C-alpha cells in the first residue's frame, strides 16, 4: 500500500501541472503510471531511512509519512522534466523531508503518538543498566558496604 495517492498530490499541485509533469505521450491527460512511479520512488526512499527503526512498510501510515511522501513524489515528478523549473518551495520541502528522515534514522526525533511500534528481535529487553546496580563484586572505595563479598 503506498503512503500517498494521486489525489493527495492533486491537493498540492494543479491538474495542469500534473499533466505537464507526466504526459510523455502528449495525450493531454495525467499519466497515472508516472505518478505511481514517483510515489513508489518516494516511498522506497522513506523505507530506506525508516527501516532501521520501524517495521516496514508502515501500516497504518502515520500522517507525517503521508505528507512527506507527497512532497517527495512531487519533487520526483519535477525531476523527470528538465523543461519545467523546480520551484524553490518544492526543493525546500524535499530537503526538509530528507533532513527529517535522517534525524529519524539517528533517533533524534520520533514519529509521535501515531508511530507504529519499533521492530523487536523477539528477545527480552533489559530494563536496567549496569550503573543501576545496588551490589557489586569486590570492595568499593568506602569499604565492603554494598558488596556481596562478606556473604
Protein backbone atom coordinates (compact mmCIF):
# COMPACT_ATOMS: atom_id res chain seq x y z
CA UNK A 1 0.00 0.00 0.00
CA UNK A 2 1.52 3.34 -1.00
CA UNK A 3 1.98 6.05 1.62
CA UNK A 4 0.23 8.61 -0.59
CA UNK A 5 -2.01 8.50 -3.64
CA UNK A 6 -2.55 10.66 -6.71
CA UNK A 7 -5.44 12.50 -5.03
CA UNK A 8 -3.00 13.63 -2.30
CA UNK A 9 -0.70 15.08 -4.95
CA UNK A 10 -3.64 16.81 -6.65
CA UNK A 11 -4.26 18.70 -3.40
CA UNK A 12 -0.77 20.20 -3.70
CA UNK A 13 -0.33 20.92 -7.41
CA UNK A 14 -2.72 21.85 -10.19
CA UNK A 15 -4.13 19.35 -12.64
CA UNK A 16 -2.45 21.25 -15.49
CA UNK A 17 0.96 20.94 -13.81
CA UNK A 18 0.36 17.26 -13.16
CA UNK A 19 -0.45 16.72 -16.84
CA UNK A 20 2.66 18.65 -17.89
CA UNK A 21 4.85 16.65 -15.49
CA UNK A 22 3.57 13.22 -16.54
CA UNK A 23 2.17 13.33 -20.09
CA UNK A 24 5.01 11.84 -22.09
CA UNK A 25 2.70 10.67 -24.89
CA UNK A 26 1.08 14.06 -25.47
CA UNK A 27 -2.42 12.78 -24.73
CA UNK A 28 -3.37 15.78 -22.61
CA UNK A 29 -4.10 13.58 -19.59
CA UNK A 30 -2.27 12.65 -16.44
CA UNK A 31 -0.15 9.52 -16.86
CA UNK A 32 -1.19 7.63 -13.74
CA UNK A 33 1.68 5.17 -14.10
CA UNK A 34 4.21 8.05 -13.94
CA UNK A 35 2.51 9.32 -10.80
CA UNK A 36 2.54 5.82 -9.29
CA UNK A 37 6.29 5.50 -10.06
CA UNK A 38 7.04 8.86 -8.45
CA UNK A 39 5.12 7.81 -5.33
CA UNK A 40 6.79 4.38 -5.26
CA UNK A 41 10.23 6.00 -5.53
CA UNK A 42 9.40 8.40 -2.68
CA UNK A 43 8.09 5.53 -0.54
CA UNK A 44 11.20 3.44 -1.23
CA UNK A 45 13.37 6.33 -0.10
CA UNK A 46 11.26 6.71 3.05
CA UNK A 47 11.56 2.99 3.77
CA UNK A 48 15.34 3.17 3.36
CA UNK A 49 15.58 5.75 6.13
CA UNK A 50 12.95 4.27 8.45
CA UNK A 51 13.72 0.58 8.03
CA UNK A 52 16.40 0.54 10.71
CA UNK A 53 13.96 1.69 13.39
CA UNK A 54 10.49 0.61 12.27
CA UNK A 55 8.80 -2.36 10.66
CA UNK A 56 8.28 -1.52 7.02
CA UNK A 57 6.02 -0.80 5.26
CA UNK A 58 4.07 1.40 7.64
CA UNK A 59 0.58 0.16 8.35
CA UNK A 60 -1.30 2.22 9.24
CA UNK A 61 0.56 5.12 7.63
CA UNK A 62 1.40 7.92 10.08
CA UNK A 63 0.10 11.31 8.95
CA UNK A 64 3.60 12.82 8.72
CA UNK A 65 4.74 9.97 6.47
CA UNK A 66 1.84 10.60 4.06
CA UNK A 67 2.66 14.32 3.97
CA UNK A 68 6.35 13.76 3.30
CA UNK A 69 5.58 11.09 0.70
CA UNK A 70 3.54 13.69 -1.19
CA UNK A 71 6.36 16.27 -1.03
CA UNK A 72 8.92 13.74 -2.21
CA UNK A 73 6.70 12.38 -5.01
CA UNK A 74 6.06 15.87 -6.37
CA UNK A 75 9.81 16.52 -6.27
CA UNK A 76 10.31 13.27 -8.21
CA UNK A 77 7.80 14.37 -10.83
CA UNK A 78 9.55 17.70 -11.33
CA UNK A 79 12.89 15.90 -11.51
CA UNK A 80 11.79 13.93 -14.56
CA UNK A 81 11.19 17.15 -16.54
CA UNK A 82 14.14 19.36 -17.39
CA UNK A 83 11.88 21.87 -19.17
CA UNK A 84 9.95 22.72 -16.00
CA UNK A 85 11.93 24.62 -13.42
CA UNK A 86 11.68 23.09 -9.98
CA UNK A 87 10.01 25.69 -7.75
CA UNK A 88 12.21 26.71 -4.81
CA UNK A 89 9.41 25.79 -2.40
CA UNK A 90 9.39 22.20 -3.72
CA UNK A 91 13.17 21.93 -3.32
CA UNK A 92 12.87 23.16 0.29
CA UNK A 93 10.08 20.68 1.04
CA UNK A 94 12.16 17.82 -0.32
CA UNK A 95 15.27 18.95 1.59
CA UNK A 96 13.23 19.24 4.80
CA UNK A 97 11.81 15.74 4.27
CA UNK A 98 15.30 14.28 3.87
CA UNK A 99 16.51 16.15 6.96
CA UNK A 100 13.52 14.76 8.90
CA UNK A 101 14.26 11.19 7.82
CA UNK A 102 17.96 11.48 8.62
CA UNK A 103 17.12 12.71 12.13
CA UNK A 104 14.53 9.94 12.45
CA UNK A 105 17.07 7.30 11.44
CA UNK A 106 19.55 8.68 14.00
CA UNK A 107 16.89 8.51 16.73
CA UNK A 108 16.93 12.29 17.27
CA UNK A 109 13.19 12.53 16.62
CA UNK A 110 10.25 10.15 16.58
CA UNK A 111 7.06 9.76 14.60
CA UNK A 112 4.96 10.75 17.60
CA UNK A 113 1.82 9.20 19.00
CA UNK A 114 0.69 7.57 15.77
CA UNK A 115 4.01 5.80 15.24
CA UNK A 116 3.95 2.04 14.77
CA UNK A 117 5.96 0.01 17.22
CA UNK A 118 9.65 -0.43 16.60
CA UNK A 119 10.78 -3.86 15.43
CA UNK A 120 11.70 -6.40 18.03
CA UNK A 121 14.03 -9.34 17.61
CA UNK A 122 11.74 -11.38 19.86
CA UNK A 123 14.21 -11.47 22.73
CA UNK A 124 13.55 -9.98 26.16
CA UNK A 125 14.89 -6.47 26.57
CA UNK A 126 16.92 -5.29 29.56
CA UNK A 127 15.21 -2.74 31.73
CA UNK A 128 18.26 -1.95 33.84
CA UNK A 129 21.75 -0.74 33.10
CA UNK A 130 24.99 -1.68 34.84
CA UNK A 131 25.11 1.62 36.71
CA UNK A 132 21.73 0.77 38.32
CA UNK A 133 23.35 -1.99 40.44
CA UNK A 134 22.92 -1.99 44.19
CA UNK A 135 25.55 -4.66 44.84
CA UNK A 136 28.84 -5.25 43.08
CA UNK A 137 31.80 -7.61 43.29
CA UNK A 138 34.88 -6.51 45.20
CA UNK A 139 35.29 -3.67 47.62
CA UNK A 140 34.35 -0.18 46.73
CA UNK A 141 36.21 2.90 47.97
CA UNK A 142 34.14 3.09 51.21
CA UNK A 143 34.86 -0.47 52.32
CA UNK A 144 32.73 -3.55 51.89
CA UNK A 145 29.35 -1.86 52.33
CA UNK A 146 27.21 -2.56 49.29
CA UNK A 147 29.15 -5.60 48.15
CA UNK A 148 28.39 -9.31 48.38
CA UNK A 149 31.94 -10.25 49.46
CA UNK A 150 31.00 -10.87 53.11
CA UNK A 151 28.13 -13.21 52.33
